[in-house]
Amino acid sequence: MSLNIIAEFPLALSRALTEQLCLLAEEILRDHQKNDFLVNLKFVDSEEMITLNKSFRHKEKDTNVLSFPAAPEAMVHSKELGDIAICIPFVELEAKTLNRTKDDHMMHITAHGILHLLGFDHINENDANLMESHEISQLKKFNIANPYLI
């Protein structure tokens, strides 16, 4: 299993979405020669996400996803690539605002988070284009339209 899903509150994720998220993680990790690594994915509420964002990015606001790569020496011993926090209420509202299904948007946000763990970023335009191309390619494998064109 490449994805360890953690939720500390009742979560309305379908079994199908849960399976798709696991397959997505496996696919991305395999494509980047990290198929023996594990990603911890925690679903959080807005309060916890604001706390995480304030603590680690010094931004006191809600956001959709945060990624926390494991230290290189820890990766060797634990085989954990890192942790991802996804704010369910934020993602649900964002999906509605963007006129996407919650499941498709959740897949996109998860892919985005995993790519951050792999070292991708979107600080400048070239990096953003590269990261987006990886997201688009992975989502296409799951019949999810390019989220940047919708």
N, C-alpha and C. Protein backbone atom coordinates (compact mmCIF):
# COMPACT_ATOMS: atom_id res chain seq x y z
N MET A 1 0.84 -1.18 0.00
CA MET A 1 0.00 0.00 0.00
C MET A 1 0.88 1.25 0.00
N SER A 2 0.64 2.16 -0.92
CA SER A 2 1.44 3.38 -1.05
C SER A 2 0.83 4.57 -0.31
N LEU A 3 -0.42 4.42 0.11
CA LEU A 3 -1.12 5.54 0.73
C LEU A 3 -1.75 5.10 2.04
N ASN A 4 -1.41 5.82 3.09
CA ASN A 4 -1.97 5.59 4.41
C ASN A 4 -2.94 6.74 4.68
N ILE A 5 -4.25 6.46 4.69
CA ILE A 5 -5.26 7.51 4.86
C ILE A 5 -5.66 7.59 6.33
N ILE A 6 -5.63 8.82 6.85
CA ILE A 6 -5.94 9.10 8.25
C ILE A 6 -7.05 10.14 8.31
N ALA A 7 -8.08 9.84 9.07
CA ALA A 7 -9.17 10.81 9.28
C ALA A 7 -9.62 10.67 10.73
N GLU A 8 -9.61 11.78 11.45
CA GLU A 8 -9.99 11.74 12.87
C GLU A 8 -11.43 12.18 13.10
N PHE A 9 -12.17 12.34 12.04
CA PHE A 9 -13.58 12.72 12.17
C PHE A 9 -14.35 11.96 11.11
N PRO A 10 -15.67 11.85 11.27
CA PRO A 10 -16.44 11.11 10.25
C PRO A 10 -16.22 11.72 8.87
N LEU A 11 -15.90 10.87 7.94
CA LEU A 11 -15.52 11.32 6.61
C LEU A 11 -16.41 10.65 5.58
N ALA A 12 -16.95 11.46 4.69
CA ALA A 12 -17.86 10.93 3.66
C ALA A 12 -17.12 10.71 2.35
N LEU A 13 -16.08 9.88 2.39
CA LEU A 13 -15.38 9.50 1.16
C LEU A 13 -15.93 8.15 0.74
N SER A 14 -16.30 8.06 -0.51
CA SER A 14 -16.79 6.77 -1.01
C SER A 14 -15.66 5.76 -1.06
N ARG A 15 -16.03 4.51 -1.01
CA ARG A 15 -15.04 3.44 -1.13
C ARG A 15 -14.32 3.55 -2.48
N ALA A 16 -15.09 3.90 -3.52
CA ALA A 16 -14.50 4.03 -4.86
C ALA A 16 -13.44 5.13 -4.88
N LEU A 17 -13.73 6.27 -4.25
CA LEU A 17 -12.74 7.35 -4.23
C LEU A 17 -11.52 6.93 -3.43
N THR A 18 -11.73 6.30 -2.31
CA THR A 18 -10.60 5.84 -1.49
C THR A 18 -9.70 4.92 -2.31
N GLU A 19 -10.29 4.00 -3.05
CA GLU A 19 -9.51 3.09 -3.90
C GLU A 19 -8.79 3.85 -5.00
N GLN A 20 -9.46 4.84 -5.60
CA GLN A 20 -8.83 5.63 -6.66
C GLN A 20 -7.65 6.44 -6.12
N LEU A 21 -7.80 7.00 -4.92
CA LEU A 21 -6.70 7.76 -4.32
C LEU A 21 -5.49 6.86 -4.09
N CYS A 22 -5.73 5.64 -3.63
CA CYS A 22 -4.63 4.69 -3.42
C CYS A 22 -3.96 4.33 -4.74
N LEU A 23 -4.76 4.09 -5.77
CA LEU A 23 -4.20 3.77 -7.09
C LEU A 23 -3.41 4.95 -7.66
N LEU A 24 -3.93 6.16 -7.47
CA LEU A 24 -3.24 7.37 -7.93
C LEU A 24 -1.87 7.48 -7.26
N ALA A 25 -1.84 7.31 -5.94
CA ALA A 25 -0.56 7.38 -5.22
C ALA A 25 0.41 6.34 -5.74
N GLU A 26 -0.07 5.11 -5.92
CA GLU A 26 0.79 4.05 -6.44
C GLU A 26 1.34 4.41 -7.82
N GLU A 27 0.49 4.95 -8.66
CA GLU A 27 0.89 5.30 -10.03
C GLU A 27 1.95 6.41 -10.03
N ILE A 28 1.72 7.44 -9.26
CA ILE A 28 2.68 8.55 -9.21
C ILE A 28 4.02 8.08 -8.64
N LEU A 29 3.97 7.34 -7.55
CA LEU A 29 5.21 6.87 -6.94
C LEU A 29 5.97 5.92 -7.87
N ARG A 30 5.25 5.07 -8.57
CA ARG A 30 5.89 4.15 -9.52
C ARG A 30 6.57 4.95 -10.65
N ASP A 31 5.87 5.96 -11.16
CA ASP A 31 6.43 6.76 -12.25
C ASP A 31 7.70 7.53 -11.85
N HIS A 32 7.86 7.73 -10.54
CA HIS A 32 9.03 8.47 -10.05
C HIS A 32 9.99 7.55 -9.29
N GLN A 33 9.90 6.26 -9.59
CA GLN A 33 10.79 5.26 -8.99
C GLN A 33 10.80 5.31 -7.45
N LYS A 34 9.63 5.52 -6.88
CA LYS A 34 9.49 5.57 -5.41
C LYS A 34 8.40 4.59 -4.97
N ASN A 35 8.19 3.51 -5.74
CA ASN A 35 7.07 2.62 -5.48
C ASN A 35 7.19 1.87 -4.16
N ASP A 36 8.34 1.88 -3.51
CA ASP A 36 8.45 1.23 -2.20
C ASP A 36 8.26 2.21 -1.05
N PHE A 37 7.80 3.43 -1.36
CA PHE A 37 7.58 4.44 -0.34
C PHE A 37 6.10 4.57 0.01
N LEU A 38 5.85 5.13 1.17
CA LEU A 38 4.50 5.34 1.69
C LEU A 38 4.25 6.84 1.84
N VAL A 39 3.03 7.26 1.52
CA VAL A 39 2.59 8.63 1.74
C VAL A 39 1.48 8.59 2.78
N ASN A 40 1.59 9.43 3.80
CA ASN A 40 0.54 9.56 4.80
C ASN A 40 -0.37 10.71 4.38
N LEU A 41 -1.65 10.43 4.22
CA LEU A 41 -2.63 11.43 3.80
C LEU A 41 -3.62 11.61 4.93
N LYS A 42 -3.64 12.79 5.51
CA LYS A 42 -4.55 13.07 6.62
C LYS A 42 -5.59 14.08 6.16
N PHE A 43 -6.85 13.74 6.39
CA PHE A 43 -7.95 14.66 6.11
C PHE A 43 -8.22 15.45 7.38
N VAL A 44 -8.26 16.78 7.22
CA VAL A 44 -8.41 17.67 8.37
C VAL A 44 -9.58 18.61 8.16
N ASP A 45 -10.01 19.24 9.25
CA ASP A 45 -11.03 20.27 9.15
C ASP A 45 -10.33 21.62 9.01
N SER A 46 -11.11 22.67 8.82
CA SER A 46 -10.54 24.01 8.59
C SER A 46 -9.71 24.49 9.77
N GLU A 47 -10.17 24.21 10.97
CA GLU A 47 -9.44 24.66 12.15
C GLU A 47 -8.04 24.08 12.20
N GLU A 48 -7.92 22.78 11.95
CA GLU A 48 -6.60 22.14 11.96
C GLU A 48 -5.73 22.65 10.81
N MET A 49 -6.33 22.86 9.64
CA MET A 49 -5.55 23.33 8.50
C MET A 49 -5.02 24.75 8.76
N ILE A 50 -5.83 25.60 9.36
CA ILE A 50 -5.37 26.95 9.68
C ILE A 50 -4.19 26.89 10.65
N THR A 51 -4.29 26.00 11.65
CA THR A 51 -3.20 25.83 12.61
C THR A 51 -1.93 25.35 11.92
N LEU A 52 -2.05 24.36 11.04
CA LEU A 52 -0.89 23.86 10.30
C LEU A 52 -0.28 24.94 9.42
N ASN A 53 -1.13 25.66 8.71
CA ASN A 53 -0.67 26.71 7.79
C ASN A 53 0.04 27.82 8.57
N LYS A 54 -0.49 28.17 9.73
CA LYS A 54 0.13 29.20 10.55
C LYS A 54 1.47 28.72 11.11
N SER A 55 1.51 27.48 11.58
CA SER A 55 2.73 26.93 12.18
C SER A 55 3.86 26.75 11.19
N PHE A 56 3.53 26.27 9.99
CA PHE A 56 4.59 25.89 9.04
C PHE A 56 4.82 26.89 7.91
N ARG A 57 3.80 27.70 7.60
CA ARG A 57 3.98 28.65 6.50
C ARG A 57 3.77 30.10 6.94
N HIS A 58 3.45 30.27 8.22
CA HIS A 58 3.23 31.60 8.80
C HIS A 58 2.11 32.36 8.10
N LYS A 59 1.09 31.60 7.67
CA LYS A 59 -0.09 32.17 7.03
C LYS A 59 -1.30 31.72 7.82
N GLU A 60 -2.00 32.67 8.40
CA GLU A 60 -3.15 32.33 9.24
C GLU A 60 -4.42 32.31 8.39
N LYS A 61 -4.51 31.28 7.53
CA LYS A 61 -5.68 31.12 6.68
C LYS A 61 -5.82 29.66 6.28
N ASP A 62 -7.01 29.33 5.84
CA ASP A 62 -7.31 27.98 5.38
C ASP A 62 -6.73 27.78 3.98
N THR A 63 -6.48 26.54 3.62
CA THR A 63 -5.99 26.21 2.29
C THR A 63 -6.41 24.79 1.96
N ASN A 64 -6.24 24.38 0.72
CA ASN A 64 -6.71 23.05 0.31
C ASN A 64 -5.75 21.93 0.70
N VAL A 65 -4.45 22.12 0.51
CA VAL A 65 -3.49 21.04 0.76
C VAL A 65 -2.15 21.60 1.23
N LEU A 66 -1.54 20.87 2.14
CA LEU A 66 -0.18 21.15 2.59
C LEU A 66 0.60 19.85 2.53
N SER A 67 1.84 19.93 2.12
CA SER A 67 2.70 18.75 2.04
C SER A 67 3.91 18.95 2.93
N PHE A 68 4.29 17.87 3.61
CA PHE A 68 5.41 17.90 4.53
C PHE A 68 6.36 16.75 4.19
N PRO A 69 7.36 17.01 3.35
CA PRO A 69 8.31 15.95 2.97
C PRO A 69 9.08 15.45 4.20
N ALA A 70 9.31 14.17 4.24
CA ALA A 70 10.13 13.59 5.31
C ALA A 70 11.59 13.99 5.07
N ALA A 71 12.32 14.08 6.15
CA ALA A 71 13.76 14.35 6.03
C ALA A 71 14.41 13.18 5.30
N PRO A 72 15.41 13.45 4.45
CA PRO A 72 16.04 12.38 3.67
C PRO A 72 16.50 11.18 4.52
N GLU A 73 17.10 11.44 5.67
CA GLU A 73 17.57 10.33 6.51
C GLU A 73 16.40 9.53 7.09
N ALA A 74 15.27 10.21 7.36
CA ALA A 74 14.09 9.51 7.87
C ALA A 74 13.47 8.65 6.77
N MET A 75 13.50 9.15 5.53
CA MET A 75 12.95 8.38 4.40
C MET A 75 13.64 7.03 4.26
N VAL A 76 14.95 7.03 4.45
CA VAL A 76 15.72 5.80 4.29
C VAL A 76 15.24 4.74 5.28
N HIS A 77 15.00 5.15 6.51
CA HIS A 77 14.64 4.20 7.56
C HIS A 77 13.15 3.86 7.57
N SER A 78 12.30 4.84 7.34
CA SER A 78 10.85 4.62 7.46
C SER A 78 10.18 4.25 6.15
N LYS A 79 10.84 4.58 5.04
CA LYS A 79 10.24 4.41 3.70
C LYS A 79 8.97 5.25 3.56
N GLU A 80 8.88 6.33 4.34
CA GLU A 80 7.78 7.28 4.22
C GLU A 80 8.28 8.50 3.47
N LEU A 81 7.57 8.85 2.40
CA LEU A 81 7.95 10.00 1.59
C LEU A 81 7.60 11.30 2.32
N GLY A 82 6.54 11.26 3.09
CA GLY A 82 6.12 12.43 3.85
C GLY A 82 4.63 12.39 4.12
N ASP A 83 4.14 13.53 4.60
CA ASP A 83 2.74 13.66 5.00
C ASP A 83 2.05 14.73 4.17
N ILE A 84 0.78 14.48 3.91
CA ILE A 84 -0.07 15.46 3.22
C ILE A 84 -1.29 15.70 4.08
N ALA A 85 -1.68 16.96 4.22
CA ALA A 85 -2.93 17.32 4.90
C ALA A 85 -3.85 17.94 3.86
N ILE A 86 -5.07 17.42 3.79
CA ILE A 86 -6.08 17.96 2.88
C ILE A 86 -7.27 18.40 3.72
N CYS A 87 -7.69 19.63 3.50
CA CYS A 87 -8.83 20.20 4.22
C CYS A 87 -10.11 19.90 3.45
N ILE A 88 -10.88 18.96 3.97
CA ILE A 88 -12.10 18.52 3.28
C ILE A 88 -13.09 19.67 3.04
N PRO A 89 -13.44 20.48 4.05
CA PRO A 89 -14.40 21.56 3.77
C PRO A 89 -13.90 22.52 2.70
N PHE A 90 -12.61 22.83 2.71
CA PHE A 90 -12.04 23.74 1.72
C PHE A 90 -12.13 23.13 0.32
N VAL A 91 -11.76 21.86 0.21
CA VAL A 91 -11.76 21.19 -1.10
C VAL A 91 -13.18 21.05 -1.63
N GLU A 92 -14.13 20.75 -0.76
CA GLU A 92 -15.53 20.63 -1.19
C GLU A 92 -16.05 21.96 -1.73
N LEU A 93 -15.78 23.04 -1.01
CA LEU A 93 -16.21 24.36 -1.47
C LEU A 93 -15.49 24.77 -2.74
N GLU A 94 -14.21 24.49 -2.80
CA GLU A 94 -13.41 24.82 -3.98
C GLU A 94 -13.92 24.06 -5.21
N ALA A 95 -14.24 22.78 -5.04
CA ALA A 95 -14.77 21.98 -6.15
C ALA A 95 -16.07 22.57 -6.67
N LYS A 96 -16.93 22.97 -5.77
CA LYS A 96 -18.21 23.56 -6.16
C LYS A 96 -17.98 24.88 -6.90
N THR A 97 -17.08 25.70 -6.38
CA THR A 97 -16.76 27.00 -7.00
C THR A 97 -16.17 26.81 -8.39
N LEU A 98 -15.35 25.78 -8.56
CA LEU A 98 -14.69 25.51 -9.84
C LEU A 98 -15.55 24.66 -10.78
N ASN A 99 -16.73 24.29 -10.30
CA ASN A 99 -17.66 23.46 -11.08
C ASN A 99 -17.05 22.11 -11.46
N ARG A 100 -16.43 21.47 -10.46
CA ARG A 100 -15.84 20.13 -10.62
C ARG A 100 -16.52 19.19 -9.64
N THR A 101 -16.41 17.91 -9.91
CA THR A 101 -16.91 16.96 -8.92
C THR A 101 -15.93 16.94 -7.75
N LYS A 102 -16.46 16.65 -6.57
CA LYS A 102 -15.61 16.57 -5.39
C LYS A 102 -14.55 15.48 -5.59
N ASP A 103 -14.94 14.34 -6.15
CA ASP A 103 -14.00 13.24 -6.33
C ASP A 103 -12.86 13.61 -7.28
N ASP A 104 -13.19 14.23 -8.41
CA ASP A 104 -12.14 14.64 -9.35
C ASP A 104 -11.21 15.67 -8.72
N HIS A 105 -11.79 16.60 -7.98
CA HIS A 105 -10.96 17.63 -7.36
C HIS A 105 -10.08 17.03 -6.27
N MET A 106 -10.62 16.07 -5.53
CA MET A 106 -9.85 15.40 -4.50
C MET A 106 -8.67 14.65 -5.12
N MET A 107 -8.90 14.02 -6.27
CA MET A 107 -7.81 13.34 -6.97
C MET A 107 -6.73 14.35 -7.38
N HIS A 108 -7.16 15.50 -7.91
CA HIS A 108 -6.21 16.53 -8.33
C HIS A 108 -5.39 17.04 -7.15
N ILE A 109 -6.06 17.35 -6.06
CA ILE A 109 -5.37 17.91 -4.89
C ILE A 109 -4.40 16.87 -4.30
N THR A 110 -4.80 15.61 -4.32
CA THR A 110 -3.92 14.55 -3.82
C THR A 110 -2.68 14.41 -4.72
N ALA A 111 -2.89 14.41 -6.02
CA ALA A 111 -1.75 14.35 -6.96
C ALA A 111 -0.82 15.54 -6.71
N HIS A 112 -1.39 16.70 -6.54
CA HIS A 112 -0.63 17.92 -6.29
C HIS A 112 0.24 17.76 -5.03
N GLY A 113 -0.38 17.25 -3.97
CA GLY A 113 0.34 17.06 -2.72
C GLY A 113 1.47 16.06 -2.83
N ILE A 114 1.22 14.95 -3.51
CA ILE A 114 2.26 13.93 -3.69
C ILE A 114 3.42 14.48 -4.51
N LEU A 115 3.11 15.25 -5.55
CA LEU A 115 4.18 15.83 -6.36
C LEU A 115 5.04 16.80 -5.54
N HIS A 116 4.41 17.52 -4.62
CA HIS A 116 5.20 18.37 -3.72
C HIS A 116 6.17 17.51 -2.90
N LEU A 117 5.69 16.36 -2.41
CA LEU A 117 6.57 15.47 -1.64
C LEU A 117 7.75 14.99 -2.48
N LEU A 118 7.53 14.89 -3.78
CA LEU A 118 8.58 14.43 -4.69
C LEU A 118 9.52 15.56 -5.12
N GLY A 119 9.27 16.77 -4.60
CA GLY A 119 10.16 17.89 -4.88
C GLY A 119 9.68 18.87 -5.93
N PHE A 120 8.50 18.64 -6.49
CA PHE A 120 7.95 19.58 -7.47
C PHE A 120 7.38 20.79 -6.75
N ASP A 121 7.40 21.92 -7.44
CA ASP A 121 6.85 23.14 -6.87
C ASP A 121 6.31 24.03 -7.97
N HIS A 122 5.73 25.14 -7.58
CA HIS A 122 5.14 26.06 -8.56
C HIS A 122 5.49 27.50 -8.20
N ILE A 123 6.71 27.68 -7.72
CA ILE A 123 7.16 29.01 -7.32
C ILE A 123 7.34 29.92 -8.53
N ASN A 124 7.92 29.38 -9.61
CA ASN A 124 8.05 30.19 -10.82
C ASN A 124 7.28 29.50 -11.96
N GLU A 125 7.15 30.19 -13.07
CA GLU A 125 6.32 29.70 -14.17
C GLU A 125 6.82 28.37 -14.75
N ASN A 126 8.13 28.24 -14.91
CA ASN A 126 8.67 26.98 -15.46
C ASN A 126 8.38 25.80 -14.54
N ASP A 127 8.60 26.00 -13.23
CA ASP A 127 8.32 24.94 -12.26
C ASP A 127 6.82 24.61 -12.24
N ALA A 128 6.00 25.65 -12.30
CA ALA A 128 4.55 25.45 -12.30
C ALA A 128 4.11 24.66 -13.53
N ASN A 129 4.66 25.00 -14.69
CA ASN A 129 4.30 24.28 -15.91
C ASN A 129 4.70 22.81 -15.84
N LEU A 130 5.87 22.54 -15.29
CA LEU A 130 6.33 21.16 -15.15
C LEU A 130 5.44 20.38 -14.18
N MET A 131 5.14 20.99 -13.05
CA MET A 131 4.29 20.32 -12.06
C MET A 131 2.90 20.07 -12.63
N GLU A 132 2.33 21.07 -13.28
CA GLU A 132 1.00 20.92 -13.86
C GLU A 132 0.98 19.83 -14.93
N SER A 133 2.04 19.74 -15.71
CA SER A 133 2.07 18.70 -16.75
C SER A 133 2.05 17.30 -16.13
N HIS A 134 2.74 17.14 -15.00
CA HIS A 134 2.71 15.85 -14.29
C HIS A 134 1.32 15.58 -13.73
N GLU A 135 0.68 16.59 -13.16
CA GLU A 135 -0.68 16.42 -12.63
C GLU A 135 -1.64 16.02 -13.75
N ILE A 136 -1.58 16.74 -14.85
CA ILE A 136 -2.48 16.48 -15.99
C ILE A 136 -2.28 15.06 -16.51
N SER A 137 -1.04 14.65 -16.64
CA SER A 137 -0.72 13.31 -17.14
C SER A 137 -1.26 12.23 -16.21
N GLN A 138 -1.07 12.40 -14.92
CA GLN A 138 -1.55 11.41 -13.96
C GLN A 138 -3.08 11.36 -13.93
N LEU A 139 -3.71 12.51 -13.93
CA LEU A 139 -5.18 12.56 -13.86
C LEU A 139 -5.81 11.96 -15.12
N LYS A 140 -5.15 12.15 -16.25
CA LYS A 140 -5.65 11.60 -17.51
C LYS A 140 -5.77 10.08 -17.43
N LYS A 141 -4.86 9.43 -16.71
CA LYS A 141 -4.90 7.97 -16.54
C LYS A 141 -6.17 7.52 -15.82
N PHE A 142 -6.80 8.44 -15.11
CA PHE A 142 -8.03 8.14 -14.36
C PHE A 142 -9.25 8.81 -15.01
N ASN A 143 -9.08 9.19 -16.27
CA ASN A 143 -10.15 9.83 -17.04
C ASN A 143 -10.66 11.12 -16.40
N ILE A 144 -9.73 11.87 -15.84
CA ILE A 144 -10.07 13.16 -15.24
C ILE A 144 -9.50 14.24 -16.15
N ALA A 145 -10.37 15.16 -16.54
CA ALA A 145 -9.99 16.22 -17.47
C ALA A 145 -8.92 17.13 -16.86
N ASN A 146 -8.19 17.78 -17.73
CA ASN A 146 -7.17 18.75 -17.34
C ASN A 146 -7.81 19.79 -16.42
N PRO A 147 -7.43 19.82 -15.14
CA PRO A 147 -8.07 20.75 -14.21
C PRO A 147 -7.71 22.21 -14.47
N TYR A 148 -6.72 22.45 -15.30
CA TYR A 148 -6.31 23.82 -15.57
C TYR A 148 -7.03 24.40 -16.78
N LEU A 149 -7.83 23.58 -17.47
CA LEU A 149 -8.61 24.07 -18.61
C LEU A 149 -10.09 24.24 -18.28
N ILE A 150 -10.50 23.64 -17.20
CA ILE A 150 -11.93 23.67 -16.85
C ILE A 150 -12.29 24.99 -16.23
